[in-house]
Amino acid sequence: MDQHTDQIVGMVMLLGGVFTVAGALSNWSWYWSSRRARTLTSLIGVPAARVLYLVLGLVLSSVGVALALGFAGKG
């Protein structure tokens, strides 16, 4: 990918990560009532699901920042 594409993909990943972190920290009924979230919370419980979503959101945001700033995607 070229640098411009990396920046766009990085920004999309960053926004997705921020959304996931916000969902993990919130009590949005529409967020936690989705089929996948219900399945996950039934398997591991709500507190563990929130932690998992928080970690995944932080990782997604970090990779997004790395891509957008040009630290990743070379190769």
PDB file of N, CA and C in Angstrom:
ATOM      1  N   MET A   1       0.841  -1.185   0.000  1.00  0.00           N
ATOM      2  CA  MET A   1       0.000   0.000   0.000  1.00  0.00           C
ATOM      3  C   MET A   1       0.883   1.244   0.000  1.00  0.00           C
ATOM      4  N   ASP A   2       0.385   2.298  -0.577  1.00  0.00           N
ATOM      5  CA  ASP A   2       1.134   3.534  -0.549  1.00  0.00           C
ATOM      6  C   ASP A   2       0.861   4.281   0.759  1.00  0.00           C
ATOM      7  N   GLN A   3       1.564   5.353   0.972  1.00  0.00           N
ATOM      8  CA  GLN A   3       1.473   6.087   2.235  1.00  0.00           C
ATOM      9  C   GLN A   3       0.082   6.659   2.469  1.00  0.00           C
ATOM     10  N   HIS A   4      -0.544   7.165   1.416  1.00  0.00           N
ATOM     11  CA  HIS A   4      -1.886   7.742   1.555  1.00  0.00           C
ATOM     12  C   HIS A   4      -2.899   6.676   1.992  1.00  0.00           C
ATOM     13  N   THR A   5      -2.813   5.495   1.389  1.00  0.00           N
ATOM     14  CA  THR A   5      -3.710   4.395   1.757  1.00  0.00           C
ATOM     15  C   THR A   5      -3.465   3.960   3.190  1.00  0.00           C
ATOM     16  N   ASP A   6      -2.198   3.885   3.601  1.00  0.00           N
ATOM     17  CA  ASP A   6      -1.868   3.534   4.987  1.00  0.00           C
ATOM     18  C   ASP A   6      -2.484   4.530   5.961  1.00  0.00           C
ATOM     19  N   GLN A   7      -2.454   5.796   5.617  1.00  0.00           N
ATOM     20  CA  GLN A   7      -3.025   6.816   6.495  1.00  0.00           C
ATOM     21  C   GLN A   7      -4.542   6.659   6.617  1.00  0.00           C
ATOM     22  N   ILE A   8      -5.197   6.380   5.514  1.00  0.00           N
ATOM     23  CA  ILE A   8      -6.652   6.201   5.545  1.00  0.00           C
ATOM     24  C   ILE A   8      -7.022   4.964   6.353  1.00  0.00           C
ATOM     25  N   VAL A   9      -6.349   3.856   6.087  1.00  0.00           N
ATOM     26  CA  VAL A   9      -6.615   2.626   6.830  1.00  0.00           C
ATOM     27  C   VAL A   9      -6.311   2.833   8.318  1.00  0.00           C
ATOM     28  N   GLY A  10      -5.228   3.529   8.613  1.00  0.00           N
ATOM     29  CA  GLY A  10      -4.875   3.816  10.000  1.00  0.00           C
ATOM     30  C   GLY A  10      -5.929   4.648  10.708  1.00  0.00           C
ATOM     31  N   MET A  11      -6.475   5.636  10.026  1.00  0.00           N
ATOM     32  CA  MET A  11      -7.519   6.473  10.628  1.00  0.00           C
ATOM     33  C   MET A  11      -8.804   5.677  10.865  1.00  0.00           C
ATOM     34  N   VAL A  12      -9.148   4.815   9.929  1.00  0.00           N
ATOM     35  CA  VAL A  12     -10.342   3.971  10.105  1.00  0.00           C
ATOM     36  C   VAL A  12     -10.139   3.032  11.291  1.00  0.00           C
ATOM     37  N   MET A  13      -8.948   2.443  11.400  1.00  0.00           N
ATOM     38  CA  MET A  13      -8.657   1.562  12.534  1.00  0.00           C
ATOM     39  C   MET A  13      -8.679   2.335  13.844  1.00  0.00           C
ATOM     40  N   LEU A  14      -8.147   3.530  13.845  1.00  0.00           N
ATOM     41  CA  LEU A  14      -8.160   4.359  15.053  1.00  0.00           C
ATOM     42  C   LEU A  14      -9.591   4.669  15.478  1.00  0.00           C
ATOM     43  N   LEU A  15     -10.429   5.066  14.536  1.00  0.00           N
ATOM     44  CA  LEU A  15     -11.830   5.351  14.859  1.00  0.00           C
ATOM     45  C   LEU A  15     -12.555   4.104  15.363  1.00  0.00           C
ATOM     46  N   GLY A  16     -12.287   2.971  14.744  1.00  0.00           N
ATOM     47  CA  GLY A  16     -12.882   1.721  15.212  1.00  0.00           C
ATOM     48  C   GLY A  16     -12.425   1.365  16.616  1.00  0.00           C
ATOM     49  N   GLY A  17     -11.154   1.596  16.895  1.00  0.00           N
ATOM     50  CA  GLY A  17     -10.634   1.329  18.231  1.00  0.00           C
ATOM     51  C   GLY A  17     -11.229   2.246  19.280  1.00  0.00           C
ATOM     52  N   VAL A  18     -11.381   3.518  18.947  1.00  0.00           N
ATOM     53  CA  VAL A  18     -11.985   4.476  19.880  1.00  0.00           C
ATOM     54  C   VAL A  18     -13.441   4.094  20.143  1.00  0.00           C
ATOM     55  N   PHE A  19     -14.152   3.689  19.100  1.00  0.00           N
ATOM     56  CA  PHE A  19     -15.534   3.244  19.258  1.00  0.00           C
ATOM     57  C   PHE A  19     -15.611   2.010  20.155  1.00  0.00           C
ATOM     58  N   THR A  20     -14.689   1.070  19.968  1.00  0.00           N
ATOM     59  CA  THR A  20     -14.681  -0.151  20.769  1.00  0.00           C
ATOM     60  C   THR A  20     -14.361   0.150  22.229  1.00  0.00           C
ATOM     61  N   VAL A  21     -13.406   1.046  22.474  1.00  0.00           N
ATOM     62  CA  VAL A  21     -13.092   1.452  23.847  1.00  0.00           C
ATOM     63  C   VAL A  21     -14.300   2.139  24.484  1.00  0.00           C
ATOM     64  N   ALA A  22     -14.942   3.021  23.735  1.00  0.00           N
ATOM     65  CA  ALA A  22     -16.128   3.708  24.261  1.00  0.00           C
ATOM     66  C   ALA A  22     -17.233   2.706  24.588  1.00  0.00           C
ATOM     67  N   GLY A  23     -17.412   1.724  23.739  1.00  0.00           N
ATOM     68  CA  GLY A  23     -18.410   0.692  23.999  1.00  0.00           C
ATOM     69  C   GLY A  23     -18.070  -0.140  25.219  1.00  0.00           C
ATOM     70  N   ALA A  24     -16.788  -0.426  25.403  1.00  0.00           N
ATOM     71  CA  ALA A  24     -16.362  -1.214  26.563  1.00  0.00           C
ATOM     72  C   ALA A  24     -16.586  -0.452  27.859  1.00  0.00           C
ATOM     73  N   LEU A  25     -16.432   0.846  27.824  1.00  0.00           N
ATOM     74  CA  LEU A  25     -16.570   1.659  29.030  1.00  0.00           C
ATOM     75  C   LEU A  25     -17.999   2.130  29.276  1.00  0.00           C
ATOM     76  N   SER A  26     -18.874   1.911  28.309  1.00  0.00           N
ATOM     77  CA  SER A  26     -20.243   2.423  28.410  1.00  0.00           C
ATOM     78  C   SER A  26     -21.204   1.340  28.861  1.00  0.00           C
ATOM     79  N   ASN A  27     -22.416   1.749  29.001  1.00  0.00           N
ATOM     80  CA  ASN A  27     -23.494   0.803  29.277  1.00  0.00           C
ATOM     81  C   ASN A  27     -24.561   0.962  28.197  1.00  0.00           C
ATOM     82  N   TRP A  28     -24.130   1.159  26.948  1.00  0.00           N
ATOM     83  CA  TRP A  28     -25.044   1.333  25.838  1.00  0.00           C
ATOM     84  C   TRP A  28     -25.794   0.035  25.605  1.00  0.00           C
ATOM     85  N   SER A  29     -27.101   0.090  25.721  1.00  0.00           N
ATOM     86  CA  SER A  29     -27.890  -1.137  25.551  1.00  0.00           C
ATOM     87  C   SER A  29     -27.775  -1.678  24.126  1.00  0.00           C
ATOM     88  N   TRP A  30     -27.758  -0.787  23.131  1.00  0.00           N
ATOM     89  CA  TRP A  30     -27.663  -1.234  21.745  1.00  0.00           C
ATOM     90  C   TRP A  30     -26.311  -1.876  21.447  1.00  0.00           C
ATOM     91  N   TYR A  31     -25.262  -1.463  22.158  1.00  0.00           N
ATOM     92  CA  TYR A  31     -23.927  -2.017  21.938  1.00  0.00           C
ATOM     93  C   TYR A  31     -23.829  -3.426  22.542  1.00  0.00           C
ATOM     94  N   TRP A  32     -24.313  -3.562  23.768  1.00  0.00           N
ATOM     95  CA  TRP A  32     -24.176  -4.828  24.479  1.00  0.00           C
ATOM     96  C   TRP A  32     -25.288  -5.816  24.153  1.00  0.00           C
ATOM     97  N   SER A  33     -26.305  -5.398  23.395  1.00  0.00           N
ATOM     98  CA  SER A  33     -27.372  -6.334  23.041  1.00  0.00           C
ATOM     99  C   SER A  33     -27.188  -6.933  21.649  1.00  0.00           C
ATOM    100  N   SER A  34     -26.094  -6.602  20.991  1.00  0.00           N
ATOM    101  CA  SER A  34     -25.837  -7.217  19.687  1.00  0.00           C
ATOM    102  C   SER A  34     -25.597  -8.716  19.880  1.00  0.00           C
ATOM    103  N   ARG A  35     -25.822  -9.475  18.841  1.00  0.00           N
ATOM    104  CA  ARG A  35     -25.710 -10.937  18.919  1.00  0.00           C
ATOM    105  C   ARG A  35     -24.317 -11.371  19.371  1.00  0.00           C
ATOM    106  N   ARG A  36     -23.284 -10.773  18.805  1.00  0.00           N
ATOM    107  CA  ARG A  36     -21.914 -11.170  19.161  1.00  0.00           C
ATOM    108  C   ARG A  36     -21.572 -10.793  20.591  1.00  0.00           C
ATOM    109  N   ALA A  37     -22.004  -9.620  21.023  1.00  0.00           N
ATOM    110  CA  ALA A  37     -21.723  -9.216  22.404  1.00  0.00           C
ATOM    111  C   ALA A  37     -22.477 -10.100  23.382  1.00  0.00           C
ATOM    112  N   ARG A  38     -23.709 -10.456  23.073  1.00  0.00           N
ATOM    113  CA  ARG A  38     -24.479 -11.350  23.946  1.00  0.00           C
ATOM    114  C   ARG A  38     -23.817 -12.717  24.033  1.00  0.00           C
ATOM    115  N   THR A  39     -23.337 -13.221  22.895  1.00  0.00           N
ATOM    116  CA  THR A  39     -22.656 -14.519  22.893  1.00  0.00           C
ATOM    117  C   THR A  39     -21.405 -14.469  23.755  1.00  0.00           C
ATOM    118  N   LEU A  40     -20.618 -13.417  23.590  1.00  0.00           N
ATOM    119  CA  LEU A  40     -19.391 -13.294  24.368  1.00  0.00           C
ATOM    120  C   LEU A  40     -19.681 -13.146  25.856  1.00  0.00           C
ATOM    121  N   THR A  41     -20.653 -12.317  26.214  1.00  0.00           N
ATOM    122  CA  THR A  41     -20.958 -12.126  27.633  1.00  0.00           C
ATOM    123  C   THR A  41     -21.540 -13.389  28.254  1.00  0.00           C
ATOM    124  N   SER A  42     -22.237 -14.199  27.468  1.00  0.00           N
ATOM    125  CA  SER A  42     -22.745 -15.455  28.027  1.00  0.00           C
ATOM    126  C   SER A  42     -21.612 -16.459  28.248  1.00  0.00           C
ATOM    127  N   LEU A  43     -20.558 -16.361  27.445  1.00  0.00           N
ATOM    128  CA  LEU A  43     -19.426 -17.283  27.591  1.00  0.00           C
ATOM    129  C   LEU A  43     -18.476 -16.886  28.718  1.00  0.00           C
ATOM    130  N   ILE A  44     -18.150 -15.600  28.807  1.00  0.00           N
ATOM    131  CA  ILE A  44     -17.117 -15.187  29.769  1.00  0.00           C
ATOM    132  C   ILE A  44     -17.600 -14.204  30.816  1.00  0.00           C
ATOM    133  N   GLY A  45     -18.832 -13.740  30.709  1.00  0.00           N
ATOM    134  CA  GLY A  45     -19.373 -12.785  31.670  1.00  0.00           C
ATOM    135  C   GLY A  45     -19.155 -11.348  31.219  1.00  0.00           C
ATOM    136  N   VAL A  46     -19.977 -10.453  31.760  1.00  0.00           N
ATOM    137  CA  VAL A  46     -19.936  -9.053  31.359  1.00  0.00           C
ATOM    138  C   VAL A  46     -18.619  -8.373  31.733  1.00  0.00           C
ATOM    139  N   PRO A  47     -18.118  -8.515  32.974  1.00  0.00           N
ATOM    140  CA  PRO A  47     -16.863  -7.816  33.312  1.00  0.00           C
ATOM    141  C   PRO A  47     -15.683  -8.247  32.427  1.00  0.00           C
ATOM    142  N   ALA A  48     -15.572  -9.542  32.173  1.00  0.00           N
ATOM    143  CA  ALA A  48     -14.476 -10.023  31.328  1.00  0.00           C
ATOM    144  C   ALA A  48     -14.656  -9.564  29.883  1.00  0.00           C
ATOM    145  N   ALA A  49     -15.895  -9.523  29.414  1.00  0.00           N
ATOM    146  CA  ALA A  49     -16.149  -9.046  28.050  1.00  0.00           C
ATOM    147  C   ALA A  49     -15.772  -7.582  27.915  1.00  0.00           C
ATOM    148  N   ARG A  50     -16.072  -6.786  28.931  1.00  0.00           N
ATOM    149  CA  ARG A  50     -15.698  -5.367  28.898  1.00  0.00           C
ATOM    150  C   ARG A  50     -14.181  -5.203  28.841  1.00  0.00           C
ATOM    151  N   VAL A  51     -13.462  -6.003  29.626  1.00  0.00           N
ATOM    152  CA  VAL A  51     -11.999  -5.936  29.615  1.00  0.00           C
ATOM    153  C   VAL A  51     -11.464  -6.366  28.251  1.00  0.00           C
ATOM    154  N   LEU A  52     -12.020  -7.438  27.700  1.00  0.00           N
ATOM    155  CA  LEU A  52     -11.578  -7.914  26.392  1.00  0.00           C
ATOM    156  C   LEU A  52     -11.821  -6.866  25.311  1.00  0.00           C
ATOM    157  N   TYR A  53     -13.005  -6.266  25.305  1.00  0.00           N
ATOM    158  CA  TYR A  53     -13.306  -5.212  24.331  1.00  0.00           C
ATOM    159  C   TYR A  53     -12.384  -4.007  24.527  1.00  0.00           C
ATOM    160  N   LEU A  54     -12.076  -3.677  25.777  1.00  0.00           N
ATOM    161  CA  LEU A  54     -11.176  -2.557  26.050  1.00  0.00           C
ATOM    162  C   LEU A  54      -9.788  -2.832  25.487  1.00  0.00           C
ATOM    163  N   VAL A  55      -9.271  -4.025  25.741  1.00  0.00           N
ATOM    164  CA  VAL A  55      -7.932  -4.386  25.236  1.00  0.00           C
ATOM    165  C   VAL A  55      -7.929  -4.407  23.709  1.00  0.00           C
ATOM    166  N   LEU A  56      -8.949  -5.011  23.110  1.00  0.00           N
ATOM    167  CA  LEU A  56      -9.016  -5.051  21.644  1.00  0.00           C
ATOM    168  C   LEU A  56      -9.107  -3.648  21.048  1.00  0.00           C
ATOM    169  N   GLY A  57      -9.867  -2.773  21.685  1.00  0.00           N
ATOM    170  CA  GLY A  57      -9.968  -1.399  21.206  1.00  0.00           C
ATOM    171  C   GLY A  57      -8.652  -0.654  21.302  1.00  0.00           C
ATOM    172  N   LEU A  58      -7.927  -0.874  22.398  1.00  0.00           N
ATOM    173  CA  LEU A  58      -6.620  -0.218  22.552  1.00  0.00           C
ATOM    174  C   LEU A  58      -5.617  -0.732  21.535  1.00  0.00           C
ATOM    175  N   VAL A  59      -5.638  -2.033  21.267  1.00  0.00           N
ATOM    176  CA  VAL A  59      -4.733  -2.602  20.261  1.00  0.00           C
ATOM    177  C   VAL A  59      -5.091  -2.065  18.880  1.00  0.00           C
ATOM    178  N   LEU A  60      -6.366  -2.052  18.553  1.00  0.00           N
ATOM    179  CA  LEU A  60      -6.812  -1.537  17.255  1.00  0.00           C
ATOM    180  C   LEU A  60      -6.421  -0.067  17.094  1.00  0.00           C
ATOM    181  N   SER A  61      -6.599   0.719  18.135  1.00  0.00           N
ATOM    182  CA  SER A  61      -6.223   2.134  18.084  1.00  0.00           C
ATOM    183  C   SER A  61      -4.717   2.298  17.912  1.00  0.00           C
ATOM    184  N   SER A  62      -3.945   1.500  18.620  1.00  0.00           N
ATOM    185  CA  SER A  62      -2.483   1.593  18.531  1.00  0.00           C
ATOM    186  C   SER A  62      -1.978   1.243  17.135  1.00  0.00           C
ATOM    187  N   VAL A  63      -2.515   0.190  16.560  1.00  0.00           N
ATOM    188  CA  VAL A  63      -2.116  -0.190  15.200  1.00  0.00           C
ATOM    189  C   VAL A  63      -2.549   0.893  14.212  1.00  0.00           C
ATOM    190  N   GLY A  64      -3.722   1.459  14.431  1.00  0.00           N
ATOM    191  CA  GLY A  64      -4.197   2.534  13.576  1.00  0.00           C
ATOM    192  C   GLY A  64      -3.282   3.751  13.613  1.00  0.00           C
ATOM    193  N   VAL A  65      -2.840   4.126  14.814  1.00  0.00           N
ATOM    194  CA  VAL A  65      -1.918   5.268  14.941  1.00  0.00           C
ATOM    195  C   VAL A  65      -0.597   4.947  14.264  1.00  0.00           C
ATOM    196  N   ALA A  66      -0.099   3.715  14.470  1.00  0.00           N
ATOM    197  CA  ALA A  66       1.167   3.325  13.840  1.00  0.00           C
ATOM    198  C   ALA A  66       1.070   3.387  12.319  1.00  0.00           C
ATOM    199  N   LEU A  67      -0.031   2.912  11.769  1.00  0.00           N
ATOM    200  CA  LEU A  67      -0.208   2.979  10.311  1.00  0.00           C
ATOM    201  C   LEU A  67      -0.332   4.410   9.826  1.00  0.00           C
ATOM    202  N   ALA A  68      -1.141   5.203  10.518  1.00  0.00           N
ATOM    203  CA  ALA A  68      -1.381   6.581  10.078  1.00  0.00           C
ATOM    204  C   ALA A  68      -0.109   7.416  10.137  1.00  0.00           C
ATOM    205  N   LEU A  69       0.757   7.134  11.103  1.00  0.00           N
ATOM    206  CA  LEU A  69       1.991   7.906  11.232  1.00  0.00           C
ATOM    207  C   LEU A  69       3.163   7.315  10.453  1.00  0.00           C
ATOM    208  N   GLY A  70       2.940   6.190   9.815  1.00  0.00           N
ATOM    209  CA  GLY A  70       3.985   5.603   8.969  1.00  0.00           C
ATOM    210  C   GLY A  70       4.959   4.696   9.698  1.00  0.00           C
ATOM    211  N   PHE A  71       4.621   4.258  10.909  1.00  0.00           N
ATOM    212  CA  PHE A  71       5.517   3.360  11.647  1.00  0.00           C
ATOM    213  C   PHE A  71       5.313   1.906  11.255  1.00  0.00           C
ATOM    214  N   ALA A  72       4.230   1.585  10.598  1.00  0.00           N
ATOM    215  CA  ALA A  72       3.931   0.206  10.207  1.00  0.00           C
ATOM    216  C   ALA A  72       3.561   0.209   8.729  1.00  0.00           C
ATOM    217  N   GLY A  73       3.499  -0.969   8.164  1.00  0.00           N
ATOM    218  CA  GLY A  73       3.074  -1.098   6.772  1.00  0.00           C
ATOM    219  C   GLY A  73       4.198  -1.002   5.768  1.00  0.00           C
ATOM    220  N   LYS A  74       5.419  -0.961   6.234  1.00  0.00           N
ATOM    221  CA  LYS A  74       6.564  -0.924   5.318  1.00  0.00           C
ATOM    222  C   LYS A  74       7.002  -2.345   5.032  1.00  0.00           C
ATOM    223  N   GLY A  75       6.882  -2.748   3.817  1.00  0.00           N
ATOM    224  CA  GLY A  75       7.393  -4.068   3.536  1.00  0.00           C
ATOM    225  C   GLY A  75       6.644  -4.822   2.546  1.00  0.00           C
TER     226      GLY A  75
END
